[in-house]
């Protein structure tokens, strides 16, 4: 399986990514390594989902990266009605 994940950074921003091994990826996120690229403390894993192929996980990552903050927060909450409403109303 492959995974798409969403992290919340210390500054409140979100980071979406994908990986083949979620457990290894989460262990590799240390404040020292993360600070090199994001310049803040290590982020917190907020959401993840498994996919059968790397292409599907990558497609989900790209889709999520294009979402608004409100839509990402609805995803974290598992609020599919809100995600649907935000998809229809792109002003949020």
Protein backbone atom coordinates (compact mmCIF):
# COMPACT_ATOMS: atom_id res chain seq x y z
CA UNK A 1 0.00 0.00 0.00
CA UNK A 2 0.94 3.64 -0.43
CA UNK A 3 -0.19 6.51 1.74
CA UNK A 4 -1.18 10.14 1.40
CA UNK A 5 -0.84 12.14 4.59
CA UNK A 6 -1.52 15.61 5.93
CA UNK A 7 0.67 17.21 8.59
CA UNK A 8 0.03 20.33 10.65
CA UNK A 9 3.16 22.42 11.06
CA UNK A 10 3.97 24.48 14.15
CA UNK A 11 3.11 27.68 12.30
CA UNK A 12 -0.41 26.33 11.61
CA UNK A 13 0.18 25.57 7.95
CA UNK A 14 -0.50 22.16 6.44
CA UNK A 15 1.83 19.91 4.48
CA UNK A 16 0.54 17.11 2.22
CA UNK A 17 2.74 14.28 1.02
CA UNK A 18 2.75 10.65 0.01
CA UNK A 19 4.93 7.71 0.95
CA UNK A 20 5.34 3.98 0.58
CA UNK A 21 5.90 3.44 4.31
CA UNK A 22 3.94 5.79 6.56
CA UNK A 23 5.49 4.55 9.79
CA UNK A 24 9.04 5.11 8.53
CA UNK A 25 8.09 8.51 7.11
CA UNK A 26 6.58 9.68 10.40
CA UNK A 27 9.67 8.53 12.33
CA UNK A 28 11.90 10.46 9.92
CA UNK A 29 10.18 13.75 10.69
CA UNK A 30 12.33 15.18 13.47
CA UNK A 31 12.59 18.86 14.39
CA UNK A 32 16.21 19.02 13.19
CA UNK A 33 15.50 17.46 9.77
CA UNK A 34 12.24 19.35 9.27
CA UNK A 35 13.74 22.73 10.20
CA UNK A 36 16.06 22.54 7.19
CA UNK A 37 13.12 22.95 4.81
CA UNK A 38 10.24 24.32 6.88
CA UNK A 39 12.10 26.28 9.58
CA UNK A 40 9.84 25.26 12.43
CA UNK A 41 9.40 22.35 14.81
CA UNK A 42 8.41 18.91 13.58
CA UNK A 43 4.82 18.76 12.34
CA UNK A 44 2.00 16.64 13.73
CA UNK A 45 0.35 13.95 11.60
CA UNK A 46 -3.32 14.89 11.31
CA UNK A 47 -4.66 12.59 8.59
CA UNK A 48 -3.61 9.71 6.36
CA UNK A 49 -5.21 7.29 3.92
CA UNK A 50 -3.88 4.24 2.15
CA UNK A 51 -4.09 3.68 -1.60
CA UNK A 52 -3.37 0.58 -3.69
CA UNK A 53 -0.90 2.34 -6.01
CA UNK A 54 1.70 5.10 -5.80
CA UNK A 55 -0.06 6.96 -8.62
CA UNK A 56 -3.32 7.11 -6.65
CA UNK A 57 -1.51 8.30 -3.51
CA UNK A 58 0.33 10.96 -5.53
CA UNK A 59 -2.90 12.09 -7.23
CA UNK A 60 -4.56 12.46 -3.80
CA UNK A 61 -1.57 14.46 -2.54
CA UNK A 62 -1.74 16.84 -5.50
CA UNK A 63 -5.49 17.27 -5.04
CA UNK A 64 -5.18 18.03 -1.34
CA UNK A 65 -2.35 20.51 -1.95
CA UNK A 66 -4.79 22.53 -4.07
CA UNK A 67 -7.45 22.63 -1.37
CA UNK A 68 -8.26 25.55 0.89
CA UNK A 69 -7.36 25.48 4.57
CA UNK A 70 -11.05 25.00 5.43
CA UNK A 71 -11.29 21.98 3.17
CA UNK A 72 -8.15 20.43 4.65
CA UNK A 73 -9.57 20.92 8.14
CA UNK A 74 -12.83 19.27 7.07
CA UNK A 75 -10.80 16.32 5.76
CA UNK A 76 -9.00 16.01 9.10
CA UNK A 77 -12.37 16.09 10.88
CA UNK A 78 -13.79 13.50 8.48
CA UNK A 79 -16.60 15.93 7.62
CA UNK A 80 -17.46 14.81 4.09
CA UNK A 81 -20.56 17.03 3.92
CA UNK A 82 -18.40 20.09 4.58
CA UNK A 83 -15.84 18.97 1.99
CA UNK A 84 -18.66 18.61 -0.54
CA UNK A 85 -20.11 22.02 0.36
CA UNK A 86 -16.67 23.66 0.11
CA UNK A 87 -16.18 22.01 -3.28
CA UNK A 88 -19.36 23.66 -4.52
CA UNK A 89 -18.53 27.02 -2.93
CA UNK A 90 -14.93 27.76 -3.91
CA UNK A 91 -14.98 31.06 -1.97
CA UNK A 92 -14.15 29.21 1.30
